[in-house]
PDB file of N, CA and C in Angstrom:
ATOM      1  N   MET A   1      86.936 -34.891 -77.676  1.00  0.00           N
ATOM      2  CA  MET A   1      86.223 -35.225 -78.470  1.00  0.00           C
ATOM      3  C   MET A   1      85.846 -36.624 -77.946  1.00  0.00           C
ATOM      4  N   GLY A   2      84.713 -36.852 -78.438  1.00  0.00           N
ATOM      5  CA  GLY A   2      84.001 -38.152 -78.089  1.00  0.00           C
ATOM      6  C   GLY A   2      84.508 -39.459 -78.600  1.00  0.00           C
ATOM      7  N   LYS A   3      83.972 -40.597 -77.899  1.00  0.00           N
ATOM      8  CA  LYS A   3      84.654 -41.650 -77.991  1.00  0.00           C
ATOM      9  C   LYS A   3      84.651 -42.096 -79.314  1.00  0.00           C
ATOM     10  N   ASP A   4      83.680 -41.886 -80.058  1.00  0.00           N
ATOM     11  CA  ASP A   4      83.164 -42.715 -81.108  1.00  0.00           C
ATOM     12  C   ASP A   4      84.144 -41.789 -82.301  1.00  0.00           C
ATOM     13  N   VAL A   5      84.361 -40.197 -82.353  1.00  0.00           N
ATOM     14  CA  VAL A   5      85.388 -39.517 -82.947  1.00  0.00           C
ATOM     15  C   VAL A   5      86.581 -39.818 -82.764  1.00  0.00           C
ATOM     16  N   SER A   6      86.881 -40.104 -81.441  1.00  0.00           N
ATOM     17  CA  SER A   6      88.156 -40.296 -81.227  1.00  0.00           C
ATOM     18  C   SER A   6      88.504 -42.046 -81.914  1.00  0.00           C
ATOM     19  N   ARG A   7      87.854 -42.733 -81.886  1.00  0.00           N
ATOM     20  CA  ARG A   7      87.940 -44.066 -82.446  1.00  0.00           C
ATOM     21  C   ARG A   7      88.133 -44.159 -84.115  1.00  0.00           C
ATOM     22  N   VAL A   8      87.302 -43.344 -84.842  1.00  0.00           N
ATOM     23  CA  VAL A   8      86.869 -43.064 -86.316  1.00  0.00           C
ATOM     24  C   VAL A   8      88.019 -42.501 -86.610  1.00  0.00           C
ATOM     25  N   LEU A   9      89.191 -41.337 -85.727  1.00  0.00           N
ATOM     26  CA  LEU A   9      90.271 -40.602 -86.244  1.00  0.00           C
ATOM     27  C   LEU A   9      91.193 -41.596 -86.033  1.00  0.00           C
ATOM     28  N   GLU A  10      91.603 -42.591 -85.169  1.00  0.00           N
ATOM     29  CA  GLU A  10      92.443 -43.483 -84.990  1.00  0.00           C
ATOM     30  C   GLU A  10      92.244 -44.361 -86.085  1.00  0.00           C
ATOM     31  N   GLU A  11      91.444 -45.004 -86.685  1.00  0.00           N
ATOM     32  CA  GLU A  11      91.329 -45.963 -87.885  1.00  0.00           C
ATOM     33  C   GLU A  11      91.617 -45.506 -88.689  1.00  0.00           C
ATOM     34  N   ALA A  12      91.393 -44.272 -89.188  1.00  0.00           N
ATOM     35  CA  ALA A  12      91.335 -43.233 -90.274  1.00  0.00           C
ATOM     36  C   ALA A  12      92.894 -43.329 -90.399  1.00  0.00           C
ATOM     37  N   LEU A  13      93.241 -42.913 -89.394  1.00  0.00           N
ATOM     38  CA  LEU A  13      95.289 -42.520 -89.418  1.00  0.00           C
ATOM     39  C   LEU A  13      95.858 -44.109 -89.849  1.00  0.00           C
ATOM     40  N   GLN A  14      95.081 -44.787 -89.538  1.00  0.00           N
ATOM     41  CA  GLN A  14      95.901 -46.408 -89.627  1.00  0.00           C
ATOM     42  C   GLN A  14      95.839 -46.820 -91.297  1.00  0.00           C
ATOM     43  N   LEU A  15      94.873 -45.601 -92.155  1.00  0.00           N
ATOM     44  CA  LEU A  15      94.836 -46.010 -93.573  1.00  0.00           C
ATOM     45  C   LEU A  15      95.934 -45.539 -94.330  1.00  0.00           C
ATOM     46  N   ARG A  16      96.307 -45.893 -95.559  1.00  0.00           N
ATOM     47  CA  ARG A  16      97.243 -45.475 -96.419  1.00  0.00           C
ATOM     48  C   ARG A  16      96.958 -43.605 -96.770  1.00  0.00           C
ATOM     49  N   PRO A  17      97.837 -43.071 -97.528  1.00  0.00           N
ATOM     50  CA  PRO A  17      97.870 -41.562 -97.443  1.00  0.00           C
ATOM     51  C   PRO A  17      96.737 -41.383 -98.560  1.00  0.00           C
ATOM     52  N   ASN A  18      96.672 -41.948 -99.651  1.00  0.00           N
ATOM     53  CA  ASN A  18      95.709 -41.652-100.625  1.00  0.00           C
ATOM     54  C   ASN A  18      94.480 -41.893 -99.852  1.00  0.00           C
ATOM     55  N   GLU A  19      94.347 -42.961 -98.970  1.00  0.00           N
ATOM     56  CA  GLU A  19      92.825 -43.126 -98.652  1.00  0.00           C
ATOM     57  C   GLU A  19      92.426 -42.472 -97.411  1.00  0.00           C
ATOM     58  N   ARG A  20      93.898 -41.582 -96.713  1.00  0.00           N
ATOM     59  CA  ARG A  20      93.312 -40.311 -95.853  1.00  0.00           C
ATOM     60  C   ARG A  20      92.520 -39.405 -96.744  1.00  0.00           C
ATOM     61  N   ALA A  21      93.487 -39.069 -97.489  1.00  0.00           N
ATOM     62  CA  ALA A  21      93.293 -37.965 -98.261  1.00  0.00           C
ATOM     63  C   ALA A  21      91.905 -37.611 -98.836  1.00  0.00           C
ATOM     64  N   ARG A  22      91.284 -38.965 -99.295  1.00  0.00           N
ATOM     65  CA  ARG A  22      90.044 -39.091 -99.735  1.00  0.00           C
ATOM     66  C   ARG A  22      89.142 -38.691 -98.935  1.00  0.00           C
ATOM     67  N   ILE A  23      89.217 -39.205 -97.261  1.00  0.00           N
ATOM     68  CA  ILE A  23      88.321 -39.182 -96.586  1.00  0.00           C
ATOM     69  C   ILE A  23      88.244 -37.433 -96.102  1.00  0.00           C
ATOM     70  N   ALA A  24      89.340 -36.814 -96.066  1.00  0.00           N
ATOM     71  CA  ALA A  24      89.628 -35.322 -95.712  1.00  0.00           C
ATOM     72  C   ALA A  24      89.064 -34.589 -96.829  1.00  0.00           C
ATOM     73  N   ALA A  25      89.347 -35.454 -97.909  1.00  0.00           N
ATOM     74  CA  ALA A  25      88.201 -34.410 -98.980  1.00  0.00           C
ATOM     75  C   ALA A  25      87.065 -34.537 -99.305  1.00  0.00           C
ATOM     76  N   GLU A  26      86.485 -35.662 -98.646  1.00  0.00           N
ATOM     77  CA  GLU A  26      85.269 -35.803 -98.452  1.00  0.00           C
ATOM     78  C   GLU A  26      84.442 -34.992 -97.779  1.00  0.00           C
ATOM     79  N   LEU A  27      85.378 -35.337 -96.318  1.00  0.00           N
ATOM     80  CA  LEU A  27      85.045 -34.628 -95.152  1.00  0.00           C
ATOM     81  C   LEU A  27      84.681 -32.575 -95.492  1.00  0.00           C
ATOM     82  N   LEU A  28      85.990 -32.285 -95.893  1.00  0.00           N
ATOM     83  CA  LEU A  28      86.116 -30.760 -96.266  1.00  0.00           C
ATOM     84  C   LEU A  28      84.696 -30.428 -97.212  1.00  0.00           C
ATOM     85  N   ALA A  29      84.547 -31.145 -98.250  1.00  0.00           N
ATOM     86  CA  ALA A  29      83.448 -31.063 -98.821  1.00  0.00           C
ATOM     87  C   ALA A  29      82.023 -30.776 -98.617  1.00  0.00           C
ATOM     88  N   SER A  30      81.709 -32.071 -97.348  1.00  0.00           N
ATOM     89  CA  SER A  30      80.831 -31.682 -96.635  1.00  0.00           C
ATOM     90  C   SER A  30      80.647 -30.460 -96.019  1.00  0.00           C
ATOM     91  N   LEU A  31      81.578 -29.966 -95.452  1.00  0.00           N
ATOM     92  CA  LEU A  31      81.687 -28.383 -95.057  1.00  0.00           C
ATOM     93  C   LEU A  31      81.166 -27.213 -95.717  1.00  0.00           C
ATOM     94  N   ASP A  32      81.450 -27.424 -97.464  1.00  0.00           N
ATOM     95  CA  ASP A  32      81.638 -26.245 -98.038  1.00  0.00           C
ATOM     96  C   ASP A  32      80.021 -26.551 -98.435  1.00  0.00           C
ATOM     97  N   ASP A  33      79.006 -27.666 -98.629  1.00  0.00           N
ATOM     98  CA  ASP A  33      77.517 -27.745 -98.657  1.00  0.00           C
ATOM     99  C   ASP A  33      76.933 -27.241 -97.409  1.00  0.00           C
ATOM    100  N   LYS A  34      77.477 -27.309 -96.508  1.00  0.00           N
ATOM    101  CA  LYS A  34      76.488 -26.346 -95.574  1.00  0.00           C
ATOM    102  C   LYS A  34      77.029 -24.807 -95.871  1.00  0.00           C
ATOM    103  N   GLU A  35      78.593 -24.748 -96.111  1.00  0.00           N
ATOM    104  CA  GLU A  35      78.409 -22.983 -95.989  1.00  0.00           C
ATOM    105  C   GLU A  35      77.536 -22.619 -97.424  1.00  0.00           C
ATOM    106  N   GLU A  36      77.374 -23.079 -98.244  1.00  0.00           N
ATOM    107  CA  GLU A  36      76.694 -22.799 -99.407  1.00  0.00           C
ATOM    108  C   GLU A  36      74.933 -22.706 -99.065  1.00  0.00           C
ATOM    109  N   ASP A  37      74.683 -23.490 -98.162  1.00  0.00           N
ATOM    110  CA  ASP A  37      73.452 -23.644 -98.033  1.00  0.00           C
ATOM    111  C   ASP A  37      72.913 -22.110 -96.936  1.00  0.00           C
ATOM    112  N   VAL A  38      74.192 -21.896 -96.433  1.00  0.00           N
ATOM    113  CA  VAL A  38      74.087 -20.505 -95.399  1.00  0.00           C
ATOM    114  C   VAL A  38      73.871 -19.359 -96.200  1.00  0.00           C
ATOM    115  N   ALA A  39      74.959 -19.700 -96.986  1.00  0.00           N
ATOM    116  CA  ALA A  39      74.848 -18.513 -97.974  1.00  0.00           C
ATOM    117  C   ALA A  39      73.725 -18.024 -98.988  1.00  0.00           C
ATOM    118  N   SER A  40      73.004 -19.020 -99.328  1.00  0.00           N
ATOM    119  CA  SER A  40      71.597 -19.310 -99.904  1.00  0.00           C
ATOM    120  C   SER A  40      70.829 -18.651 -99.030  1.00  0.00           C
ATOM    121  N   ALA A  41      70.608 -19.088 -97.752  1.00  0.00           N
ATOM    122  CA  ALA A  41      69.864 -18.851 -97.173  1.00  0.00           C
ATOM    123  C   ALA A  41      69.739 -16.842 -96.292  1.00  0.00           C
ATOM    124  N   TRP A  42      71.520 -16.940 -96.511  1.00  0.00           N
ATOM    125  CA  TRP A  42      71.175 -15.036 -96.404  1.00  0.00           C
ATOM    126  C   TRP A  42      71.023 -14.560 -97.609  1.00  0.00           C
ATOM    127  N   ALA A  43      71.367 -14.813 -98.955  1.00  0.00           N
ATOM    128  CA  ALA A  43      70.735 -14.079-100.241  1.00  0.00           C
ATOM    129  C   ALA A  43      69.083 -14.108 -99.825  1.00  0.00           C
ATOM    130  N   THR A  44      68.587 -15.176 -99.559  1.00  0.00           N
ATOM    131  CA  THR A  44      67.076 -15.316 -99.757  1.00  0.00           C
ATOM    132  C   THR A  44      66.434 -14.323 -98.585  1.00  0.00           C
ATOM    133  N   GLU A  45      67.394 -14.119 -97.545  1.00  0.00           N
ATOM    134  CA  GLU A  45      66.714 -13.438 -96.313  1.00  0.00           C
ATOM    135  C   GLU A  45      67.300 -11.730 -96.699  1.00  0.00           C
ATOM    136  N   ILE A  46      68.070 -11.440 -97.631  1.00  0.00           N
ATOM    137  CA  ILE A  46      68.400  -9.969 -98.091  1.00  0.00           C
ATOM    138  C   ILE A  46      67.716  -9.160 -99.272  1.00  0.00           C
ATOM    139  N   ALA A  47      67.360 -10.496 -99.904  1.00  0.00           N
ATOM    140  CA  ALA A  47      65.950 -10.282-100.988  1.00  0.00           C
ATOM    141  C   ALA A  47      64.966  -9.684-100.339  1.00  0.00           C
ATOM    142  N   ARG A  48      64.165 -10.719 -99.599  1.00  0.00           N
ATOM    143  CA  ARG A  48      63.029 -10.083 -98.356  1.00  0.00           C
ATOM    144  C   ARG A  48      62.966  -8.982 -97.960  1.00  0.00           C
ATOM    145  N   ARG A  49      64.258  -8.618 -97.433  1.00  0.00           N
ATOM    146  CA  ARG A  49      64.557  -7.652 -96.200  1.00  0.00           C
ATOM    147  C   ARG A  49      64.520  -6.278 -97.450  1.00  0.00           C
ATOM    148  N   ALA A  50      65.004  -6.411 -98.526  1.00  0.00           N
ATOM    149  CA  ALA A  50      64.904  -5.462 -99.821  1.00  0.00           C
ATOM    150  C   ALA A  50      63.500  -5.159 -99.852  1.00  0.00           C
ATOM    151  N   ALA A  51      62.898  -6.397-100.270  1.00  0.00           N
ATOM    152  CA  ALA A  51      61.938  -6.337-101.178  1.00  0.00           C
ATOM    153  C   ALA A  51      60.821  -5.578 -99.805  1.00  0.00           C
ATOM    154  N   ASP A  52      60.976  -6.079 -98.778  1.00  0.00           N
ATOM    155  CA  ASP A  52      60.376  -5.111 -97.343  1.00  0.00           C
ATOM    156  C   ASP A  52      60.770  -3.865 -97.499  1.00  0.00           C
ATOM    157  N   ALA A  53      61.779  -3.484 -97.949  1.00  0.00           N
ATOM    158  CA  ALA A  53      62.190  -1.900 -97.450  1.00  0.00           C
ATOM    159  C   ALA A  53      61.461  -1.029 -98.786  1.00  0.00           C
ATOM    160  N   ILE A  54      61.691  -2.090 -99.719  1.00  0.00           N
ATOM    161  CA  ILE A  54      61.152  -1.123-101.397  1.00  0.00           C
ATOM    162  C   ILE A  54      59.927  -0.772-101.204  1.00  0.00           C
ATOM    163  N   ALA A  55      58.861  -1.748-100.523  1.00  0.00           N
ATOM    164  CA  ALA A  55      57.537  -1.829-100.469  1.00  0.00           C
ATOM    165  C   ALA A  55      56.941  -0.483 -99.333  1.00  0.00           C
ATOM    166  N   ASP A  56      57.692  -0.618 -98.367  1.00  0.00           N
ATOM    167  CA  ASP A  56      57.115   0.048 -97.241  1.00  0.00           C
ATOM    168  C   ASP A  56      58.218   0.896 -96.307  1.00  0.00           C
ATOM    169  N   PRO A  57      59.085   2.297 -97.318  1.00  0.00           N
ATOM    170  CA  PRO A  57      60.202   2.605 -96.727  1.00  0.00           C
ATOM    171  C   PRO A  57      59.994   3.755 -95.576  1.00  0.00           C
ATOM    172  N   ASP A  58      58.887   3.664 -95.542  1.00  0.00           N
ATOM    173  CA  ASP A  58      58.652   4.805 -93.809  1.00  0.00           C
ATOM    174  C   ASP A  58      58.554   3.719 -92.685  1.00  0.00           C
ATOM    175  N   ASP A  59      58.746   2.271 -93.187  1.00  0.00           N
ATOM    176  CA  ASP A  59      58.408   1.225 -92.019  1.00  0.00           C
ATOM    177  C   ASP A  59      59.798   1.085 -91.273  1.00  0.00           C
ATOM    178  N   GLU A  60      59.966   1.732 -90.190  1.00  0.00           N
ATOM    179  CA  GLU A  60      61.406   1.992 -89.309  1.00  0.00           C
ATOM    180  C   GLU A  60      61.200   0.866 -87.912  1.00  0.00           C
ATOM    181  N   GLU A  61      62.566   0.119 -88.019  1.00  0.00           N
ATOM    182  CA  GLU A  61      62.073  -0.759 -86.587  1.00  0.00           C
ATOM    183  C   GLU A  61      63.620  -0.375 -86.151  1.00  0.00           C
ATOM    184  N   ASP A  62      63.521  -0.252 -84.818  1.00  0.00           N
ATOM    185  CA  ASP A  62      64.871   0.525 -84.067  1.00  0.00           C
ATOM    186  C   ASP A  62      65.600  -1.218 -84.055  1.00  0.00           C
ATOM    187  N   TRP A  63      66.899  -0.728 -84.328  1.00  0.00           N
ATOM    188  CA  TRP A  63      67.995  -1.866 -84.361  1.00  0.00           C
ATOM    189  C   TRP A  63      67.984  -3.442 -83.044  1.00  0.00           C
ATOM    190  N   ARG A  64      67.593  -2.343 -81.779  1.00  0.00           N
ATOM    191  CA  ARG A  64      67.405  -3.300 -80.604  1.00  0.00           C
ATOM    192  C   ARG A  64      66.405  -4.207 -80.827  1.00  0.00           C
ATOM    193  N   MET A  65      65.487  -3.821 -81.260  1.00  0.00           N
ATOM    194  CA  MET A  65      64.363  -4.589 -81.354  1.00  0.00           C
ATOM    195  C   MET A  65      64.539  -6.198 -82.617  1.00  0.00           C
ATOM    196  N   ALA A  66      65.239  -5.603 -83.466  1.00  0.00           N
ATOM    197  CA  ALA A  66      65.546  -6.325 -84.514  1.00  0.00           C
ATOM    198  C   ALA A  66      66.557  -7.322 -84.074  1.00  0.00           C
ATOM    199  N   LEU A  67      67.492  -6.770 -83.415  1.00  0.00           N
ATOM    200  CA  LEU A  67      68.661  -7.940 -82.922  1.00  0.00           C
ATOM    201  C   LEU A  67      67.986  -8.846 -81.778  1.00  0.00           C
ATOM    202  N   SER A  68      67.064  -8.385 -81.067  1.00  0.00           N
ATOM    203  CA  SER A  68      66.638  -8.804 -79.983  1.00  0.00           C
ATOM    204  C   SER A  68      65.639 -10.294 -80.935  1.00  0.00           C
ATOM    205  N   GLU A  69      64.867 -10.057 -81.853  1.00  0.00           N
ATOM    206  CA  GLU A  69      64.234 -11.014 -82.634  1.00  0.00           C
ATOM    207  C   GLU A  69      65.314 -12.042 -83.564  1.00  0.00           C
ATOM    208  N   ILE A  70      66.413 -11.765 -83.799  1.00  0.00           N
ATOM    209  CA  ILE A  70      67.338 -12.306 -84.379  1.00  0.00           C
ATOM    210  C   ILE A  70      68.027 -13.428 -83.566  1.00  0.00           C
ATOM    211  N   GLN A  71      68.139 -12.953 -82.454  1.00  0.00           N
ATOM    212  CA  GLN A  71      68.807 -13.760 -81.330  1.00  0.00           C
ATOM    213  C   GLN A  71      68.072 -14.762 -80.873  1.00  0.00           C
ATOM    214  N   GLN A  72      66.768 -14.475 -80.756  1.00  0.00           N
ATOM    215  CA  GLN A  72      65.384 -15.487 -80.370  1.00  0.00           C
ATOM    216  C   GLN A  72      65.474 -16.172 -81.585  1.00  0.00           C
ATOM    217  N   ASP A  73      65.697 -15.945 -82.834  1.00  0.00           N
ATOM    218  CA  ASP A  73      65.383 -16.999 -83.705  1.00  0.00           C
ATOM    219  C   ASP A  73      66.419 -17.809 -83.901  1.00  0.00           C
ATOM    220  N   VAL A  74      67.405 -17.416 -83.758  1.00  0.00           N
ATOM    221  CA  VAL A  74      69.125 -18.085 -83.710  1.00  0.00           C
ATOM    222  C   VAL A  74      68.691 -19.310 -82.692  1.00  0.00           C
ATOM    223  N   LEU A  75      68.506 -18.943 -81.403  1.00  0.00           N
ATOM    224  CA  LEU A  75      68.619 -19.835 -80.016  1.00  0.00           C
ATOM    225  C   LEU A  75      67.846 -20.313 -80.766  1.00  0.00           C
ATOM    226  N   ALA A  76      66.617 -20.455 -81.072  1.00  0.00           N
ATOM    227  CA  ALA A  76      65.195 -21.818 -81.348  1.00  0.00           C
ATOM    228  C   ALA A  76      65.798 -22.208 -82.213  1.00  0.00           C
ATOM    229  N   ARG A  77      66.960 -22.396 -82.607  1.00  0.00           N
ATOM    230  CA  ARG A  77      67.198 -23.055 -83.901  1.00  0.00           C
ATOM    231  C   ARG A  77      67.981 -24.703 -83.033  1.00  0.00           C
TER     232      ARG A  77
END
């Protein structure tokens, strides 16, 4: 943990239980927002891929090439 994170945690642990619970709930909710963004992005990508497959069923791509492209995309983020 970085110094800032340790300091924030130390200060948060000094709060009353109901205040700590509120902070914990807010932090957990913030993670859910990110998960929803990821789920939405995947749904969009799946729809795009399905439309591509329906539009051109003879267009086959080697899975190794597809994996390489995905890895490049993820690493570029």
